[in-house]
Amino acid sequence: QVQLVESGGGLVQAGGSLRLSCAASGRTFSSDRMGWFRQAPGKEREFVAAIRWSGGSTYYADSVKGRFTISRDNAKNTVYLQMNSLKAEDTAVYYCAVDQPPFRELTIASSYDYWGQGTQVTVSS
C-alpha cells in the first residue's frame, strides 16, 4: 500500500525558507512522477512542482519558479521541496502526490493517484 508522509511545514516570516519532505513507501517509485500541490483556504488545489523519479526532470509553476526547488533522494524514497524567499501568498497546506504512468496532465490534481495528508505552511508578512 502506497503511503506518502509530508513533514517540514511551519510558521516562517516573509523572505524566509522552509524545506518540505515527502517520504514515500509501499513499493518502488522509479517509474513515477512526484508532485507537490498546495491549497489555501477557499481556493482550489494548485500545482507547485513535480519531478520524475527516473532522470530527475523537474517542472514548476510560474508562481514559484526561481524560488522553490524540487529534488529527490532515490535511496531514501523521499522528495523534497526547498522553498526560499517565501511570501504571504505561499501560505497553504502543501501536499505531495504520486502520478503513475501513463502520465496525464502534469498540473491537474486529478492526474495523481496517491496523496499525502498535507503539511501546513504559514508565511507571516
PDB file of N, CA and C in Angstrom:
ATOM      1  N   GLN A   1       0.845  -1.186   0.000  1.00  0.00           N
ATOM      2  CA  GLN A   1       0.000   0.000   0.000  1.00  0.00           C
ATOM      3  C   GLN A   1       0.887   1.245   0.000  1.00  0.00           C
ATOM      4  N   VAL A   2       0.609   2.121  -0.945  1.00  0.00           N
ATOM      5  CA  VAL A   2       1.412   3.336  -1.055  1.00  0.00           C
ATOM      6  C   VAL A   2       1.077   4.288   0.088  1.00  0.00           C
ATOM      7  N   GLN A   3       2.121   4.806   0.721  1.00  0.00           N
ATOM      8  CA  GLN A   3       1.944   5.823   1.752  1.00  0.00           C
ATOM      9  C   GLN A   3       2.878   6.987   1.471  1.00  0.00           C
ATOM     10  N   LEU A   4       2.348   8.185   1.640  1.00  0.00           N
ATOM     11  CA  LEU A   4       3.134   9.398   1.489  1.00  0.00           C
ATOM     12  C   LEU A   4       2.987  10.201   2.774  1.00  0.00           C
ATOM     13  N   VAL A   5       4.113  10.574   3.353  1.00  0.00           N
ATOM     14  CA  VAL A   5       4.084  11.320   4.609  1.00  0.00           C
ATOM     15  C   VAL A   5       4.900  12.597   4.446  1.00  0.00           C
ATOM     16  N   GLU A   6       4.205  13.737   4.513  1.00  0.00           N
ATOM     17  CA  GLU A   6       4.869  15.031   4.406  1.00  0.00           C
ATOM     18  C   GLU A   6       5.308  15.508   5.785  1.00  0.00           C
ATOM     19  N   SER A   7       6.361  16.302   5.799  1.00  0.00           N
ATOM     20  CA  SER A   7       6.834  16.941   7.020  1.00  0.00           C
ATOM     21  C   SER A   7       7.598  18.202   6.648  1.00  0.00           C
ATOM     22  N   GLY A   8       7.874  19.025   7.645  1.00  0.00           N
ATOM     23  CA  GLY A   8       8.691  20.206   7.424  1.00  0.00           C
ATOM     24  C   GLY A   8       7.946  21.520   7.373  1.00  0.00           C
ATOM     25  N   GLY A   9       6.622  21.460   7.427  1.00  0.00           N
ATOM     26  CA  GLY A   9       5.862  22.699   7.415  1.00  0.00           C
ATOM     27  C   GLY A   9       6.031  23.467   8.716  1.00  0.00           C
ATOM     28  N   GLY A  10       5.515  24.701   8.726  1.00  0.00           N
ATOM     29  CA  GLY A  10       5.611  25.511   9.929  1.00  0.00           C
ATOM     30  C   GLY A  10       5.313  26.957   9.643  1.00  0.00           C
ATOM     31  N   LEU A  11       5.643  27.784  10.611  1.00  0.00           N
ATOM     32  CA  LEU A  11       5.438  29.235  10.521  1.00  0.00           C
ATOM     33  C   LEU A  11       6.774  29.900  10.245  1.00  0.00           C
ATOM     34  N   VAL A  12       6.807  30.763   9.248  1.00  0.00           N
ATOM     35  CA  VAL A  12       8.047  31.452   8.872  1.00  0.00           C
ATOM     36  C   VAL A  12       7.700  32.874   8.451  1.00  0.00           C
ATOM     37  N   GLN A  13       8.638  33.767   8.640  1.00  0.00           N
ATOM     38  CA  GLN A  13       8.422  35.150   8.212  1.00  0.00           C
ATOM     39  C   GLN A  13       8.639  35.271   6.710  1.00  0.00           C
ATOM     40  N   ALA A  14       8.016  36.265   6.131  1.00  0.00           N
ATOM     41  CA  ALA A  14       8.215  36.539   4.716  1.00  0.00           C
ATOM     42  C   ALA A  14       9.701  36.731   4.440  1.00  0.00           C
ATOM     43  N   GLY A  15      10.158  36.135   3.335  1.00  0.00           N
ATOM     44  CA  GLY A  15      11.564  36.173   2.985  1.00  0.00           C
ATOM     45  C   GLY A  15      12.354  34.992   3.501  1.00  0.00           C
ATOM     46  N   GLY A  16      11.744  34.216   4.377  1.00  0.00           N
ATOM     47  CA  GLY A  16      12.422  33.066   4.969  1.00  0.00           C
ATOM     48  C   GLY A  16      12.334  31.831   4.094  1.00  0.00           C
ATOM     49  N   SER A  17      12.813  30.721   4.648  1.00  0.00           N
ATOM     50  CA  SER A  17      12.894  29.460   3.908  1.00  0.00           C
ATOM     51  C   SER A  17      12.347  28.313   4.739  1.00  0.00           C
ATOM     52  N   LEU A  18      11.846  27.312   4.043  1.00  0.00           N
ATOM     53  CA  LEU A  18      11.449  26.043   4.636  1.00  0.00           C
ATOM     54  C   LEU A  18      11.788  24.943   3.647  1.00  0.00           C
ATOM     55  N   ARG A  19      12.033  23.743   4.184  1.00  0.00           N
ATOM     56  CA  ARG A  19      12.193  22.578   3.321  1.00  0.00           C
ATOM     57  C   ARG A  19      11.180  21.523   3.722  1.00  0.00           C
ATOM     58  N   LEU A  20      10.333  21.178   2.767  1.00  0.00           N
ATOM     59  CA  LEU A  20       9.350  20.124   2.978  1.00  0.00           C
ATOM     60  C   LEU A  20       9.918  18.791   2.505  1.00  0.00           C
ATOM     61  N   SER A  21       9.517  17.731   3.196  1.00  0.00           N
ATOM     62  CA  SER A  21       9.911  16.379   2.813  1.00  0.00           C
ATOM     63  C   SER A  21       8.669  15.539   2.586  1.00  0.00           C
ATOM     64  N   CYS A  22       8.778  14.595   1.672  1.00  0.00           N
ATOM     65  CA  CYS A  22       7.701  13.649   1.417  1.00  0.00           C
ATOM     66  C   CYS A  22       8.321  12.258   1.352  1.00  0.00           C
ATOM     67  N   ALA A  23       8.091  11.468   2.384  1.00  0.00           N
ATOM     68  CA  ALA A  23       8.623  10.112   2.435  1.00  0.00           C
ATOM     69  C   ALA A  23       7.603   9.157   1.835  1.00  0.00           C
ATOM     70  N   ALA A  24       8.027   8.431   0.803  1.00  0.00           N
ATOM     71  CA  ALA A  24       7.138   7.507   0.102  1.00  0.00           C
ATOM     72  C   ALA A  24       7.487   6.059   0.457  1.00  0.00           C
ATOM     73  N   SER A  25       6.475   5.244   0.624  1.00  0.00           N
ATOM     74  CA  SER A  25       6.706   3.836   0.943  1.00  0.00           C
ATOM     75  C   SER A  25       5.612   2.982   0.344  1.00  0.00           C
ATOM     76  N   GLY A  26       5.825   1.689   0.330  1.00  0.00           N
ATOM     77  CA  GLY A  26       4.819   0.757  -0.137  1.00  0.00           C
ATOM     78  C   GLY A  26       5.189   0.034  -1.412  1.00  0.00           C
ATOM     79  N   ARG A  27       6.039   0.620  -2.218  1.00  0.00           N
ATOM     80  CA  ARG A  27       6.522  -0.022  -3.447  1.00  0.00           C
ATOM     81  C   ARG A  27       7.626   0.840  -4.009  1.00  0.00           C
ATOM     82  N   THR A  28       8.186   0.441  -5.138  1.00  0.00           N
ATOM     83  CA  THR A  28       9.189   1.282  -5.792  1.00  0.00           C
ATOM     84  C   THR A  28       8.486   2.344  -6.633  1.00  0.00           C
ATOM     85  N   PHE A  29       9.154   3.459  -6.787  1.00  0.00           N
ATOM     86  CA  PHE A  29       8.547   4.589  -7.483  1.00  0.00           C
ATOM     87  C   PHE A  29       9.366   5.030  -8.690  1.00  0.00           C
ATOM     88  N   SER A  30      10.255   4.182  -9.139  1.00  0.00           N
ATOM     89  CA  SER A  30      11.211   4.583 -10.169  1.00  0.00           C
ATOM     90  C   SER A  30      10.548   4.996 -11.471  1.00  0.00           C
ATOM     91  N   SER A  31       9.345   4.522 -11.739  1.00  0.00           N
ATOM     92  CA  SER A  31       8.671   4.874 -12.988  1.00  0.00           C
ATOM     93  C   SER A  31       7.720   6.051 -12.838  1.00  0.00           C
ATOM     94  N   ASP A  32       7.581   6.551 -11.636  1.00  0.00           N
ATOM     95  CA  ASP A  32       6.530   7.531 -11.341  1.00  0.00           C
ATOM     96  C   ASP A  32       7.010   8.971 -11.419  1.00  0.00           C
ATOM     97  N   ARG A  33       6.040   9.826 -11.328  1.00  0.00           N
ATOM     98  CA  ARG A  33       6.281  11.254 -11.225  1.00  0.00           C
ATOM     99  C   ARG A  33       5.725  11.703  -9.879  1.00  0.00           C
ATOM    100  N   MET A  34       6.474  12.516  -9.152  1.00  0.00           N
ATOM    101  CA  MET A  34       6.056  13.012  -7.851  1.00  0.00           C
ATOM    102  C   MET A  34       5.739  14.490  -7.954  1.00  0.00           C
ATOM    103  N   GLY A  35       4.647  14.893  -7.366  1.00  0.00           N
ATOM    104  CA  GLY A  35       4.258  16.281  -7.442  1.00  0.00           C
ATOM    105  C   GLY A  35       4.017  16.890  -6.070  1.00  0.00           C
ATOM    106  N   TRP A  36       4.174  18.200  -6.010  1.00  0.00           N
ATOM    107  CA  TRP A  36       3.759  18.992  -4.849  1.00  0.00           C
ATOM    108  C   TRP A  36       2.625  19.913  -5.299  1.00  0.00           C
ATOM    109  N   PHE A  37       1.567  19.917  -4.506  1.00  0.00           N
ATOM    110  CA  PHE A  37       0.454  20.822  -4.719  1.00  0.00           C
ATOM    111  C   PHE A  37       0.235  21.595  -3.423  1.00  0.00           C
ATOM    112  N   ARG A  38      -0.547  22.654  -3.517  1.00  0.00           N
ATOM    113  CA  ARG A  38      -0.899  23.389  -2.305  1.00  0.00           C
ATOM    114  C   ARG A  38      -2.345  23.860  -2.411  1.00  0.00           C
ATOM    115  N   GLN A  39      -2.929  24.058  -1.241  1.00  0.00           N
ATOM    116  CA  GLN A  39      -4.308  24.513  -1.202  1.00  0.00           C
ATOM    117  C   GLN A  39      -4.480  25.507  -0.065  1.00  0.00           C
ATOM    118  N   ALA A  40      -4.847  26.727  -0.430  1.00  0.00           N
ATOM    119  CA  ALA A  40      -5.138  27.768   0.542  1.00  0.00           C
ATOM    120  C   ALA A  40      -6.636  27.736   0.848  1.00  0.00           C
ATOM    121  N   PRO A  41      -7.046  28.264   2.004  1.00  0.00           N
ATOM    122  CA  PRO A  41      -8.470  28.255   2.368  1.00  0.00           C
ATOM    123  C   PRO A  41      -9.326  28.914   1.296  1.00  0.00           C
ATOM    124  N   GLY A  42     -10.379  28.231   0.895  1.00  0.00           N
ATOM    125  CA  GLY A  42     -11.299  28.779  -0.072  1.00  0.00           C
ATOM    126  C   GLY A  42     -10.816  28.742  -1.513  1.00  0.00           C
ATOM    127  N   LYS A  43      -9.676  28.106  -1.744  1.00  0.00           N
ATOM    128  CA  LYS A  43      -9.121  28.054  -3.106  1.00  0.00           C
ATOM    129  C   LYS A  43      -8.965  26.614  -3.573  1.00  0.00           C
ATOM    130  N   GLU A  44      -8.823  26.484  -4.897  1.00  0.00           N
ATOM    131  CA  GLU A  44      -8.586  25.175  -5.485  1.00  0.00           C
ATOM    132  C   GLU A  44      -7.165  24.707  -5.159  1.00  0.00           C
ATOM    133  N   ARG A  45      -6.998  23.390  -5.168  1.00  0.00           N
ATOM    134  CA  ARG A  45      -5.656  22.835  -5.025  1.00  0.00           C
ATOM    135  C   ARG A  45      -4.859  23.171  -6.280  1.00  0.00           C
ATOM    136  N   GLU A  46      -3.670  23.730  -6.116  1.00  0.00           N
ATOM    137  CA  GLU A  46      -2.903  24.170  -7.275  1.00  0.00           C
ATOM    138  C   GLU A  46      -1.533  23.503  -7.334  1.00  0.00           C
ATOM    139  N   PHE A  47      -1.101  23.283  -8.548  1.00  0.00           N
ATOM    140  CA  PHE A  47       0.194  22.662  -8.814  1.00  0.00           C
ATOM    141  C   PHE A  47       1.328  23.590  -8.386  1.00  0.00           C
ATOM    142  N   VAL A  48       2.352  22.998  -7.779  1.00  0.00           N
ATOM    143  CA  VAL A  48       3.529  23.753  -7.377  1.00  0.00           C
ATOM    144  C   VAL A  48       4.761  23.286  -8.157  1.00  0.00           C
ATOM    145  N   ALA A  49       5.041  21.983  -8.102  1.00  0.00           N
ATOM    146  CA  ALA A  49       6.244  21.456  -8.746  1.00  0.00           C
ATOM    147  C   ALA A  49       6.109  19.943  -8.894  1.00  0.00           C
ATOM    148  N   ALA A  50       6.918  19.372  -9.786  1.00  0.00           N
ATOM    149  CA  ALA A  50       6.923  17.926  -9.980  1.00  0.00           C
ATOM    150  C   ALA A  50       8.298  17.479 -10.430  1.00  0.00           C
ATOM    151  N   ILE A  51       8.562  16.195 -10.234  1.00  0.00           N
ATOM    152  CA  ILE A  51       9.848  15.629 -10.600  1.00  0.00           C
ATOM    153  C   ILE A  51       9.658  14.181 -11.019  1.00  0.00           C
ATOM    154  N   ARG A  52      10.394  13.764 -12.020  1.00  0.00           N
ATOM    155  CA  ARG A  52      10.418  12.361 -12.410  1.00  0.00           C
ATOM    156  C   ARG A  52      11.440  11.633 -11.554  1.00  0.00           C
ATOM    157  N   TRP A  53      11.040  10.490 -10.953  1.00  0.00           N
ATOM    158  CA  TRP A  53      11.995   9.716 -10.179  1.00  0.00           C
ATOM    159  C   TRP A  53      13.174   9.309 -11.065  1.00  0.00           C
ATOM    160  N   SER A  54      12.875   8.861 -12.282  1.00  0.00           N
ATOM    161  CA  SER A  54      13.931   8.436 -13.190  1.00  0.00           C
ATOM    162  C   SER A  54      14.351   9.603 -14.046  1.00  0.00           C
ATOM    163  N   GLY A  55      15.588   9.984 -13.956  1.00  0.00           N
ATOM    164  CA  GLY A  55      16.100  11.082 -14.762  1.00  0.00           C
ATOM    165  C   GLY A  55      16.065  12.429 -14.067  1.00  0.00           C
ATOM    166  N   GLY A  56      15.097  12.613 -13.159  1.00  0.00           N
ATOM    167  CA  GLY A  56      15.060  13.830 -12.366  1.00  0.00           C
ATOM    168  C   GLY A  56      14.556  15.077 -13.065  1.00  0.00           C
ATOM    169  N   SER A  57      13.862  14.941 -14.196  1.00  0.00           N
ATOM    170  CA  SER A  57      13.303  16.137 -14.847  1.00  0.00           C
ATOM    171  C   SER A  57      12.358  16.848 -13.888  1.00  0.00           C
ATOM    172  N   THR A  58      12.444  18.175 -13.871  1.00  0.00           N
ATOM    173  CA  THR A  58      11.640  18.965 -12.946  1.00  0.00           C
ATOM    174  C   THR A  58      10.721  19.932 -13.679  1.00  0.00           C
ATOM    175  N   TYR A  59       9.653  20.289 -13.013  1.00  0.00           N
ATOM    176  CA  TYR A  59       8.638  21.179 -13.568  1.00  0.00           C
ATOM    177  C   TYR A  59       8.149  22.085 -12.446  1.00  0.00           C
ATOM    178  N   TYR A  60       7.879  23.353 -12.774  1.00  0.00           N
ATOM    179  CA  TYR A  60       7.475  24.312 -11.755  1.00  0.00           C
ATOM    180  C   TYR A  60       6.316  25.175 -12.243  1.00  0.00           C
ATOM    181  N   ALA A  61       5.491  25.572 -11.298  1.00  0.00           N
ATOM    182  CA  ALA A  61       4.504  26.600 -11.581  1.00  0.00           C
ATOM    183  C   ALA A  61       5.238  27.933 -11.713  1.00  0.00           C
ATOM    184  N   ASP A  62       4.709  28.817 -12.545  1.00  0.00           N
ATOM    185  CA  ASP A  62       5.356  30.112 -12.750  1.00  0.00           C
ATOM    186  C   ASP A  62       5.481  30.895 -11.451  1.00  0.00           C
ATOM    187  N   SER A  63       4.522  30.712 -10.561  1.00  0.00           N
ATOM    188  CA  SER A  63       4.489  31.486  -9.320  1.00  0.00           C
ATOM    189  C   SER A  63       5.625  31.132  -8.358  1.00  0.00           C
ATOM    190  N   VAL A  64       6.261  29.971  -8.556  1.00  0.00           N
ATOM    191  CA  VAL A  64       7.324  29.562  -7.638  1.00  0.00           C
ATOM    192  C   VAL A  64       8.674  29.408  -8.335  1.00  0.00           C
ATOM    193  N   LYS A  65       8.687  29.542  -9.629  1.00  0.00           N
ATOM    194  CA  LYS A  65       9.928  29.353 -10.387  1.00  0.00           C
ATOM    195  C   LYS A  65      10.985  30.339  -9.909  1.00  0.00           C
ATOM    196  N   GLY A  66      12.172  29.830  -9.656  1.00  0.00           N
ATOM    197  CA  GLY A  66      13.263  30.668  -9.165  1.00  0.00           C
ATOM    198  C   GLY A  66      13.311  30.788  -7.660  1.00  0.00           C
ATOM    199  N   ARG A  67      12.237  30.360  -6.971  1.00  0.00           N
ATOM    200  CA  ARG A  67      12.221  30.432  -5.509  1.00  0.00           C
ATOM    201  C   ARG A  67      12.180  29.042  -4.880  1.00  0.00           C
ATOM    202  N   PHE A  68      11.493  28.111  -5.516  1.00  0.00           N
ATOM    203  CA  PHE A  68      11.328  26.748  -4.991  1.00  0.00           C
ATOM    204  C   PHE A  68      12.169  25.790  -5.833  1.00  0.00           C
ATOM    205  N   THR A  69      12.669  24.750  -5.162  1.00  0.00           N
ATOM    206  CA  THR A  69      13.419  23.707  -5.844  1.00  0.00           C
ATOM    207  C   THR A  69      12.930  22.339  -5.381  1.00  0.00           C
ATOM    208  N   ILE A  70      12.541  21.502  -6.341  1.00  0.00           N
ATOM    209  CA  ILE A  70      12.129  20.139  -6.023  1.00  0.00           C
ATOM    210  C   ILE A  70      13.306  19.211  -6.295  1.00  0.00           C
ATOM    211  N   SER A  71      13.493  18.231  -5.432  1.00  0.00           N
ATOM    212  CA  SER A  71      14.569  17.260  -5.614  1.00  0.00           C
ATOM    213  C   SER A  71      14.135  15.929  -5.013  1.00  0.00           C
ATOM    214  N   ARG A  72      14.926  14.885  -5.281  1.00  0.00           N
ATOM    215  CA  ARG A  72      14.573  13.591  -4.703  1.00  0.00           C
ATOM    216  C   ARG A  72      15.833  12.858  -4.298  1.00  0.00           C
ATOM    217  N   ASP A  73      15.666  12.004  -3.300  1.00  0.00           N
ATOM    218  CA  ASP A  73      16.730  11.118  -2.843  1.00  0.00           C
ATOM    219  C   ASP A  73      16.233   9.702  -3.079  1.00  0.00           C
ATOM    220  N   ASN A  74      16.713   9.087  -4.128  1.00  0.00           N
ATOM    221  CA  ASN A  74      16.216   7.764  -4.502  1.00  0.00           C
ATOM    222  C   ASN A  74      16.451   6.735  -3.408  1.00  0.00           C
ATOM    223  N   ALA A  75      17.593   6.820  -2.740  1.00  0.00           N
ATOM    224  CA  ALA A  75      17.925   5.837  -1.711  1.00  0.00           C
ATOM    225  C   ALA A  75      16.957   5.918  -0.530  1.00  0.00           C
ATOM    226  N   LYS A  76      16.456   7.120  -0.268  1.00  0.00           N
ATOM    227  CA  LYS A  76      15.550   7.309   0.868  1.00  0.00           C
ATOM    228  C   LYS A  76      14.092   7.340   0.443  1.00  0.00           C
ATOM    229  N   ASN A  77      13.828   7.220  -0.858  1.00  0.00           N
ATOM    230  CA  ASN A  77      12.450   7.306  -1.359  1.00  0.00           C
ATOM    231  C   ASN A  77      11.765   8.572  -0.860  1.00  0.00           C
ATOM    232  N   THR A  78      12.501   9.661  -0.901  1.00  0.00           N
ATOM    233  CA  THR A  78      11.998  10.925  -0.368  1.00  0.00           C
ATOM    234  C   THR A  78      12.137  12.030  -1.402  1.00  0.00           C
ATOM    235  N   VAL A  79      11.109  12.842  -1.487  1.00  0.00           N
ATOM    236  CA  VAL A  79      11.106  14.013  -2.357  1.00  0.00           C
ATOM    237  C   VAL A  79      11.086  15.255  -1.463  1.00  0.00           C
ATOM    238  N   TYR A  80      11.820  16.271  -1.873  1.00  0.00           N
ATOM    239  CA  TYR A  80      11.947  17.496  -1.088  1.00  0.00           C
ATOM    240  C   TYR A  80      11.411  18.686  -1.882  1.00  0.00           C
ATOM    241  N   LEU A  81      10.980  19.681  -1.156  1.00  0.00           N
ATOM    242  CA  LEU A  81      10.627  20.958  -1.767  1.00  0.00           C
ATOM    243  C   LEU A  81      11.300  22.043  -0.931  1.00  0.00           C
ATOM    244  N   GLN A  82      12.391  22.579  -1.468  1.00  0.00           N
ATOM    245  CA  GLN A  82      13.079  23.687  -0.815  1.00  0.00           C
ATOM    246  C   GLN A  82      12.401  24.979  -1.231  1.00  0.00           C
ATOM    247  N   MET A  83      11.920  25.714  -0.247  1.00  0.00           N
ATOM    248  CA  MET A  83      11.167  26.943  -0.523  1.00  0.00           C
ATOM    249  C   MET A  83      11.933  28.129   0.053  1.00  0.00           C
ATOM    250  N   ASN A  84      12.377  29.005  -0.826  1.00  0.00           N
ATOM    251  CA  ASN A  84      13.114  30.210  -0.418  1.00  0.00           C
ATOM    252  C   ASN A  84      12.310  31.451  -0.770  1.00  0.00           C
ATOM    253  N   SER A  85      12.702  32.564  -0.180  1.00  0.00           N
ATOM    254  CA  SER A  85      12.044  33.845  -0.463  1.00  0.00           C
ATOM    255  C   SER A  85      10.539  33.731  -0.335  1.00  0.00           C
ATOM    256  N   LEU A  86      10.099  33.130   0.747  1.00  0.00           N
ATOM    257  CA  LEU A  86       8.663  32.864   0.917  1.00  0.00           C
ATOM    258  C   LEU A  86       7.871  34.156   1.040  1.00  0.00           C
ATOM    259  N   LYS A  87       6.654  34.098   0.496  1.00  0.00           N
ATOM    260  CA  LYS A  87       5.747  35.232   0.512  1.00  0.00           C
ATOM    261  C   LYS A  87       4.474  34.831   1.256  1.00  0.00           C
ATOM    262  N   ALA A  88       3.733  35.838   1.682  1.00  0.00           N
ATOM    263  CA  ALA A  88       2.473  35.560   2.381  1.00  0.00           C
ATOM    264  C   ALA A  88       1.538  34.717   1.519  1.00  0.00           C
ATOM    265  N   GLU A  89       1.563  34.929   0.230  1.00  0.00           N
ATOM    266  CA  GLU A  89       0.674  34.185  -0.675  1.00  0.00           C
ATOM    267  C   GLU A  89       1.085  32.730  -0.864  1.00  0.00           C
ATOM    268  N   ASP A  90       2.220  32.331  -0.298  1.00  0.00           N
ATOM    269  CA  ASP A  90       2.608  30.927  -0.316  1.00  0.00           C
ATOM    270  C   ASP A  90       1.948  30.145   0.828  1.00  0.00           C
ATOM    271  N   THR A  91       1.252  30.839   1.698  1.00  0.00           N
ATOM    272  CA  THR A  91       0.569  30.187   2.811  1.00  0.00           C
ATOM    273  C   THR A  91      -0.494  29.221   2.298  1.00  0.00           C
ATOM    274  N   ALA A  92      -0.394  27.964   2.725  1.00  0.00           N
ATOM    275  CA  ALA A  92      -1.314  26.925   2.265  1.00  0.00           C
ATOM    276  C   ALA A  92      -0.953  25.611   2.949  1.00  0.00           C
ATOM    277  N   VAL A  93      -1.826  24.628   2.754  1.00  0.00           N
ATOM    278  CA  VAL A  93      -1.463  23.254   3.085  1.00  0.00           C
ATOM    279  C   VAL A  93      -0.788  22.670   1.848  1.00  0.00           C
ATOM    280  N   TYR A  94       0.370  22.094   2.045  1.00  0.00           N
ATOM    281  CA  TYR A  94       1.144  21.520   0.950  1.00  0.00           C
ATOM    282  C   TYR A  94       1.020  20.005   0.967  1.00  0.00           C
ATOM    283  N   TYR A  95       0.743  19.447  -0.210  1.00  0.00           N
ATOM    284  CA  TYR A  95       0.547  18.014  -0.362  1.00  0.00           C
ATOM    285  C   TYR A  95       1.536  17.451  -1.371  1.00  0.00           C
ATOM    286  N   CYS A  96       2.039  16.251  -1.106  1.00  0.00           N
ATOM    287  CA  CYS A  96       2.779  15.558  -2.151  1.00  0.00           C
ATOM    288  C   CYS A  96       1.882  14.461  -2.727  1.00  0.00           C
ATOM    289  N   ALA A  97       2.181  14.067  -3.951  1.00  0.00           N
ATOM    290  CA  ALA A  97       1.330  13.117  -4.655  1.00  0.00           C
ATOM    291  C   ALA A  97       2.141  12.317  -5.653  1.00  0.00           C
ATOM    292  N   VAL A  98       1.637  11.135  -5.991  1.00  0.00           N
ATOM    293  CA  VAL A  98       2.272  10.245  -6.956  1.00  0.00           C
ATOM    294  C   VAL A  98       1.408  10.152  -8.205  1.00  0.00           C
ATOM    295  N   ASP A  99       2.033  10.296  -9.343  1.00  0.00           N
ATOM    296  CA  ASP A  99       1.374  10.119 -10.643  1.00  0.00           C
ATOM    297  C   ASP A  99       2.008   8.913 -11.310  1.00  0.00           C
ATOM    298  N   GLN A 100       1.210   7.852 -11.494  1.00  0.00           N
ATOM    299  CA  GLN A 100       1.703   6.639 -12.133  1.00  0.00           C
ATOM    300  C   GLN A 100       1.565   6.744 -13.641  1.00  0.00           C
ATOM    301  N   PRO A 101       2.473   6.106 -14.386  1.00  0.00           N
ATOM    302  CA  PRO A 101       2.296   6.090 -15.839  1.00  0.00           C
ATOM    303  C   PRO A 101       1.101   5.225 -16.243  1.00  0.00           C
ATOM    304  N   PRO A 102       0.422   5.522 -17.324  1.00  0.00           N
ATOM    305  CA  PRO A 102       0.729   6.591 -18.266  1.00  0.00           C
ATOM    306  C   PRO A 102       0.389   7.964 -17.677  1.00  0.00           C
ATOM    307  N   PHE A 103       1.312   8.894 -17.830  1.00  0.00           N
ATOM    308  CA  PHE A 103       1.135  10.200 -17.220  1.00  0.00           C
ATOM    309  C   PHE A 103       0.053  10.996 -17.937  1.00  0.00           C
ATOM    310  N   ARG A 104      -0.662  11.744 -17.127  1.00  0.00           N
ATOM    311  CA  ARG A 104      -1.675  12.646 -17.637  1.00  0.00           C
ATOM    312  C   ARG A 104      -1.192  14.076 -17.446  1.00  0.00           C
ATOM    313  N   GLU A 105      -2.123  15.022 -17.473  1.00  0.00           N
ATOM    314  CA  GLU A 105      -1.747  16.426 -17.371  1.00  0.00           C
ATOM    315  C   GLU A 105      -1.017  16.706 -16.056  1.00  0.00           C
ATOM    316  N   LEU A 106       0.166  17.246 -16.176  1.00  0.00           N
ATOM    317  CA  LEU A 106       1.075  17.450 -15.046  1.00  0.00           C
ATOM    318  C   LEU A 106       0.488  18.307 -13.942  1.00  0.00           C
ATOM    319  N   THR A 107      -0.227  19.355 -14.322  1.00  0.00           N
ATOM    320  CA  THR A 107      -0.616  20.371 -13.349  1.00  0.00           C
ATOM    321  C   THR A 107      -2.014  20.171 -12.768  1.00  0.00           C
ATOM    322  N   ILE A 108      -2.646  19.073 -13.124  1.00  0.00           N
ATOM    323  CA  ILE A 108      -4.021  18.843 -12.662  1.00  0.00           C
ATOM    324  C   ILE A 108      -4.020  17.822 -11.534  1.00  0.00           C
ATOM    325  N   ALA A 109      -4.629  18.155 -10.426  1.00  0.00           N
ATOM    326  CA  ALA A 109      -4.604  17.292  -9.242  1.00  0.00           C
ATOM    327  C   ALA A 109      -5.204  15.915  -9.516  1.00  0.00           C
ATOM    328  N   SER A 110      -6.235  15.854 -10.325  1.00  0.00           N
ATOM    329  CA  SER A 110      -6.906  14.584 -10.598  1.00  0.00           C
ATOM    330  C   SER A 110      -6.032  13.606 -11.394  1.00  0.00           C
ATOM    331  N   SER A 111      -4.916  14.082 -11.917  1.00  0.00           N
ATOM    332  CA  SER A 111      -3.991  13.201 -12.626  1.00  0.00           C
ATOM    333  C   SER A 111      -3.201  12.308 -11.671  1.00  0.00           C
ATOM    334  N   TYR A 112      -3.150  12.674 -10.418  1.00  0.00           N
ATOM    335  CA  TYR A 112      -2.310  11.988  -9.435  1.00  0.00           C
ATOM    336  C   TYR A 112      -3.106  10.926  -8.700  1.00  0.00           C
ATOM    337  N   ASP A 113      -2.425   9.830  -8.376  1.00  0.00           N
ATOM    338  CA  ASP A 113      -3.122   8.641  -7.885  1.00  0.00           C
ATOM    339  C   ASP A 113      -3.078   8.479  -6.370  1.00  0.00           C
ATOM    340  N   TYR A 114      -2.045   8.973  -5.742  1.00  0.00           N
ATOM    341  CA  TYR A 114      -1.913   8.840  -4.289  1.00  0.00           C
ATOM    342  C   TYR A 114      -1.510  10.187  -3.706  1.00  0.00           C
ATOM    343  N   TRP A 115      -2.005  10.450  -2.493  1.00  0.00           N
ATOM    344  CA  TRP A 115      -1.773  11.734  -1.844  1.00  0.00           C
ATOM    345  C   TRP A 115      -1.340  11.534  -0.400  1.00  0.00           C
ATOM    346  N   GLY A 116      -0.522  12.468   0.089  1.00  0.00           N
ATOM    347  CA  GLY A 116      -0.211  12.522   1.496  1.00  0.00           C
ATOM    348  C   GLY A 116      -1.281  13.297   2.245  1.00  0.00           C
ATOM    349  N   GLN A 117      -1.074  13.435   3.538  1.00  0.00           N
ATOM    350  CA  GLN A 117      -2.080  14.080   4.395  1.00  0.00           C
ATOM    351  C   GLN A 117      -1.928  15.593   4.417  1.00  0.00           C
ATOM    352  N   GLY A 118      -0.799  16.102   3.939  1.00  0.00           N
ATOM    353  CA  GLY A 118      -0.574  17.540   3.883  1.00  0.00           C
ATOM    354  C   GLY A 118       0.193  18.079   5.078  1.00  0.00           C
ATOM    355  N   THR A 119       0.874  19.186   4.855  1.00  0.00           N
ATOM    356  CA  THR A 119       1.588  19.883   5.924  1.00  0.00           C
ATOM    357  C   THR A 119       1.363  21.381   5.761  1.00  0.00           C
ATOM    358  N   GLN A 120       1.065  22.047   6.856  1.00  0.00           N
ATOM    359  CA  GLN A 120       0.708  23.468   6.817  1.00  0.00           C
ATOM    360  C   GLN A 120       1.961  24.336   6.725  1.00  0.00           C
ATOM    361  N   VAL A 121       1.924  25.271   5.808  1.00  0.00           N
ATOM    362  CA  VAL A 121       2.957  26.307   5.697  1.00  0.00           C
ATOM    363  C   VAL A 121       2.285  27.649   5.870  1.00  0.00           C
ATOM    364  N   THR A 122       2.753  28.421   6.829  1.00  0.00           N
ATOM    365  CA  THR A 122       2.195  29.739   7.089  1.00  0.00           C
ATOM    366  C   THR A 122       3.320  30.753   7.028  1.00  0.00           C
ATOM    367  N   VAL A 123       3.144  31.741   6.155  1.00  0.00           N
ATOM    368  CA  VAL A 123       4.147  32.788   5.978  1.00  0.00           C
ATOM    369  C   VAL A 123       3.556  34.085   6.488  1.00  0.00           C
ATOM    370  N   SER A 124       4.193  34.651   7.488  1.00  0.00           N
ATOM    371  CA  SER A 124       3.700  35.902   8.065  1.00  0.00           C
ATOM    372  C   SER A 124       4.378  37.091   7.393  1.00  0.00           C
ATOM    373  N   SER A 125       3.588  38.109   7.147  1.00  0.00           N
ATOM    374  CA  SER A 125       4.126  39.292   6.438  1.00  0.00           C
ATOM    375  C   SER A 125       4.512  40.381   7.425  1.00  0.00           C
TER     376      SER A 125
END
